[in-house]
Amino acid sequence: MNRDSQKIAIAKKFAKLHETPVAVWTPEKDYSSDDERFLAVYENLVIGVYGDCYGINAEYDEEGELIAEATEFEVEVDRFESTGDHGDIFFFEITTELTGIGRFIEEHGQHGDW
């Protein structure tokens, strides 16, 4: 799992792709700091709140069973939410020890059952 500083950096990069300020599309809650808000954004990002999150480098055996968790992920940012004239694909990595979140993301994203 990424350290909090890595999660915050990922969330800030994701927020920059959006036309609407992050405070508008994050849960209504009293955050003690901007960092806490961005940690909430990161958690929502990985569980599919902002769109299906797909592991792109997972490995499967011949029967389709997951044998290696993904460490690289992507989420599509729709055109109407994007700062550009078209949608974007947001890419991020989980760079430290695997704790099952990669497996969780991959299993849900693969079957579209968010």
Protein backbone atom coordinates (compact mmCIF):
# COMPACT_ATOMS: atom_id res chain seq x y z
CA MET A 1 0.00 0.00 0.00
CA ASN A 2 1.23 3.47 -0.73
CA ARG A 3 2.26 5.72 2.12
CA ASP A 4 -0.07 8.63 2.85
CA SER A 5 2.25 11.06 1.07
CA GLN A 6 2.10 8.89 -2.08
CA LYS A 7 -1.70 8.61 -1.84
CA ILE A 8 -2.03 12.38 -1.52
CA ALA A 9 0.24 12.95 -4.53
CA ILE A 10 -1.83 10.50 -6.62
CA ALA A 11 -5.09 12.17 -5.55
CA LYS A 12 -3.75 15.65 -6.39
CA LYS A 13 -2.73 14.50 -9.87
CA PHE A 14 -6.18 12.97 -10.36
CA ALA A 15 -7.87 16.19 -9.17
CA LYS A 16 -5.87 18.28 -11.68
CA LEU A 17 -7.58 16.43 -14.54
CA HIS A 18 -10.98 17.76 -13.45
CA GLU A 19 -12.62 21.03 -14.41
CA THR A 20 -14.58 21.18 -11.15
CA PRO A 21 -12.62 21.94 -7.95
CA VAL A 22 -11.98 18.90 -5.77
CA ALA A 23 -14.00 20.35 -2.87
CA VAL A 24 -17.17 20.15 -4.98
CA TRP A 25 -16.93 16.44 -5.85
CA THR A 26 -15.61 15.04 -2.58
CA PRO A 27 -17.90 13.83 0.19
CA GLU A 28 -19.44 16.50 2.36
CA LYS A 29 -17.47 16.21 5.56
CA ASP A 30 -15.44 18.41 7.84
CA TYR A 31 -11.88 17.58 6.88
CA SER A 32 -9.20 18.55 9.36
CA SER A 33 -6.85 19.35 6.47
CA ASP A 34 -6.54 19.31 2.70
CA ASP A 35 -4.40 16.20 3.09
CA GLU A 36 -7.30 14.39 4.75
CA ARG A 37 -9.56 15.40 1.85
CA PHE A 38 -7.04 14.07 -0.67
CA LEU A 39 -6.71 10.80 1.26
CA ALA A 40 -10.50 10.43 0.90
CA VAL A 41 -10.16 11.10 -2.84
CA TYR A 42 -7.51 8.38 -3.10
CA GLU A 43 -9.65 5.84 -1.25
CA ASN A 44 -12.62 6.66 -3.49
CA LEU A 45 -10.40 6.39 -6.55
CA VAL A 46 -9.23 2.85 -5.78
CA ILE A 47 -12.69 1.54 -4.88
CA GLY A 48 -14.28 2.80 -8.09
CA VAL A 49 -16.31 5.79 -6.89
CA TYR A 50 -14.96 8.00 -9.71
CA GLY A 51 -15.16 5.32 -12.39
CA ASP A 52 -14.03 1.77 -12.89
CA CYS A 53 -10.46 1.32 -11.71
CA TYR A 54 -8.61 -1.34 -13.68
CA GLY A 55 -5.38 -3.13 -12.90
CA ILE A 56 -3.42 -3.17 -16.13
CA ASN A 57 -0.47 -5.43 -15.33
CA ALA A 58 -2.09 -8.27 -13.40
CA GLU A 59 -1.14 -11.81 -14.40
CA TYR A 60 -3.56 -14.71 -14.82
CA ASP A 61 -3.12 -18.42 -15.28
CA GLU A 62 -4.74 -20.39 -18.11
CA GLU A 63 -7.95 -20.85 -16.11
CA GLY A 64 -8.28 -17.10 -15.60
CA GLU A 65 -7.25 -17.16 -11.94
CA LEU A 66 -5.32 -14.14 -10.72
CA ILE A 67 -1.74 -15.15 -9.90
CA ALA A 68 -0.04 -11.74 -9.55
CA GLU A 69 -1.73 -8.58 -8.32
CA ALA A 70 -1.64 -5.50 -10.48
CA THR A 71 0.59 -2.67 -9.35
CA GLU A 72 -0.40 -0.30 -12.18
CA PHE A 73 -3.94 1.03 -12.48
CA GLU A 74 -6.04 3.29 -14.65
CA VAL A 75 -9.31 5.16 -14.33
CA GLU A 76 -11.11 6.96 -17.15
CA VAL A 77 -11.97 10.60 -16.56
CA ASP A 78 -15.06 11.36 -18.66
CA ARG A 79 -14.97 14.24 -21.13
CA PHE A 80 -17.61 16.22 -19.24
CA GLU A 81 -15.47 16.09 -16.08
CA SER A 82 -12.13 16.69 -17.76
CA THR A 83 -10.24 19.94 -18.17
CA GLY A 84 -9.65 19.05 -21.82
CA ASP A 85 -11.99 18.63 -24.77
CA HIS A 86 -11.84 14.85 -24.45
CA GLY A 87 -11.71 12.29 -21.70
CA ASP A 88 -8.45 11.28 -20.09
CA ILE A 89 -7.05 8.05 -18.75
CA PHE A 90 -5.54 8.53 -15.31
CA PHE A 91 -2.69 6.14 -14.56
CA PHE A 92 -1.23 5.46 -11.11
CA GLU A 93 0.89 2.87 -9.35
CA ILE A 94 0.84 1.17 -5.98
CA THR A 95 4.56 1.17 -5.43
CA THR A 96 5.16 -0.50 -2.10
CA GLU A 97 4.21 -3.85 -0.61
CA LEU A 98 1.05 -5.45 -1.90
CA THR A 99 -1.70 -5.78 0.68
CA GLY A 100 -4.59 -7.08 -1.37
CA ILE A 101 -5.92 -3.77 -2.67
CA GLY A 102 -4.53 -4.63 -6.10
CA ARG A 103 -6.42 -7.92 -6.01
CA PHE A 104 -9.58 -6.14 -4.84
CA ILE A 105 -9.37 -3.55 -7.64
CA GLU A 106 -8.57 -6.15 -10.28
CA GLU A 107 -11.39 -8.51 -9.30
CA HIS A 108 -14.00 -5.76 -9.22
CA GLY A 109 -12.75 -3.94 -12.30
CA GLN A 110 -12.45 -7.13 -14.34
CA HIS A 111 -16.08 -8.03 -13.74
CA GLY A 112 -17.46 -4.49 -13.61
CA ASP A 113 -19.21 -5.15 -10.31
CA TRP A 114 -18.47 -1.88 -8.53
